[in-house]
Amino acid sequence: MRISELEGLRRSLDESANRLSFSILVGSLIMGAAIISTNATKGRLMIVSDVLLAVASLLCLWLIVSILRSGKLK
């Protein structure tokens, strides 16, 4: 049994769940970089922290752009 109206709802829930899990991942990267940078006294840890923060920033920017491009931000 298929209900055509539920297909759109399912797709919307899938997109929302994907965005939520992606934003949790980005937030975790930012928190990890912050924790590493507060305890970093060596150059290598500072580099790791900077790389994590740069990756998290790029992923966050990509998430924002994808949300804005979808046109469903209201």
Protein backbone atom coordinates (compact mmCIF):
# COMPACT_ATOMS: atom_id res chain seq x y z
CA MET A 1 0.00 0.00 0.00
CA ARG A 2 1.45 3.37 -1.03
CA ILE A 3 0.19 6.75 -0.08
CA SER A 4 1.55 9.41 -2.43
CA GLU A 5 1.38 12.19 0.14
CA LEU A 6 3.68 10.34 2.52
CA GLU A 7 6.53 10.16 0.00
CA GLY A 8 7.19 13.89 0.29
CA LEU A 9 7.09 13.68 4.07
CA ARG A 10 9.54 10.78 4.05
CA ARG A 11 11.94 12.66 1.78
CA SER A 12 11.71 15.75 3.97
CA LEU A 13 12.43 13.73 7.11
CA ASP A 14 15.41 12.07 5.43
CA GLU A 15 16.87 15.45 4.46
CA SER A 16 16.31 16.83 7.95
CA ALA A 17 17.95 13.81 9.58
CA ASN A 18 20.94 14.05 7.24
CA ARG A 19 21.40 17.74 7.99
CA LEU A 20 21.07 17.14 11.71
CA SER A 21 23.67 14.38 11.74
CA PHE A 22 25.99 16.47 9.57
CA SER A 23 25.66 19.48 11.87
CA ILE A 24 26.38 17.29 14.91
CA LEU A 25 29.54 16.09 13.18
CA VAL A 26 30.63 19.65 12.40
CA GLY A 27 29.94 20.71 15.98
CA SER A 28 32.00 17.78 17.26
CA LEU A 29 34.91 18.79 15.05
CA ILE A 30 34.74 22.36 16.35
CA MET A 31 34.62 21.20 19.97
CA GLY A 32 37.49 18.78 19.40
CA ALA A 33 39.61 21.52 17.86
CA ALA A 34 38.81 23.82 20.78
CA ILE A 35 39.75 21.19 23.36
CA ILE A 36 43.00 20.41 21.59
CA SER A 37 43.92 24.09 21.20
CA THR A 38 43.40 24.88 24.89
CA ASN A 39 45.82 22.13 25.94
CA ALA A 40 48.23 22.46 23.04
CA THR A 41 51.71 23.57 23.99
CA LYS A 42 53.55 21.89 21.13
CA GLY A 43 53.54 22.93 17.51
CA ARG A 44 52.09 19.68 16.21
CA LEU A 45 48.98 19.90 18.37
CA MET A 46 48.40 23.48 17.26
CA ILE A 47 48.62 22.37 13.62
CA VAL A 48 46.13 19.54 14.24
CA SER A 49 43.80 21.96 15.98
CA ASP A 50 44.04 24.46 13.13
CA VAL A 51 43.39 21.77 10.52
CA LEU A 52 40.36 20.47 12.43
CA LEU A 53 38.99 23.98 12.75
CA ALA A 54 39.55 24.69 9.05
CA VAL A 55 37.81 21.45 8.03
CA ALA A 56 34.91 22.15 10.38
CA SER A 57 34.59 25.68 9.02
CA LEU A 58 34.49 24.46 5.42
CA LEU A 59 31.92 21.80 6.25
CA CYS A 60 29.81 24.33 8.12
CA LEU A 61 29.96 26.71 5.17
CA TRP A 62 28.96 23.90 2.83
CA LEU A 63 26.02 23.02 5.09
CA ILE A 64 24.82 26.62 5.17
CA VAL A 65 25.09 26.93 1.39
CA SER A 66 23.18 23.68 0.84
CA ILE A 67 20.41 24.82 3.18
CA LEU A 68 20.15 28.17 1.45
CA ARG A 69 20.16 26.58 -2.01
CA SER A 70 17.34 24.24 -1.09
CA GLY A 71 15.09 27.24 -0.56
CA LYS A 72 13.33 25.61 2.38
CA LEU A 73 14.73 27.90 5.06
CA LYS A 74 11.73 29.78 6.41
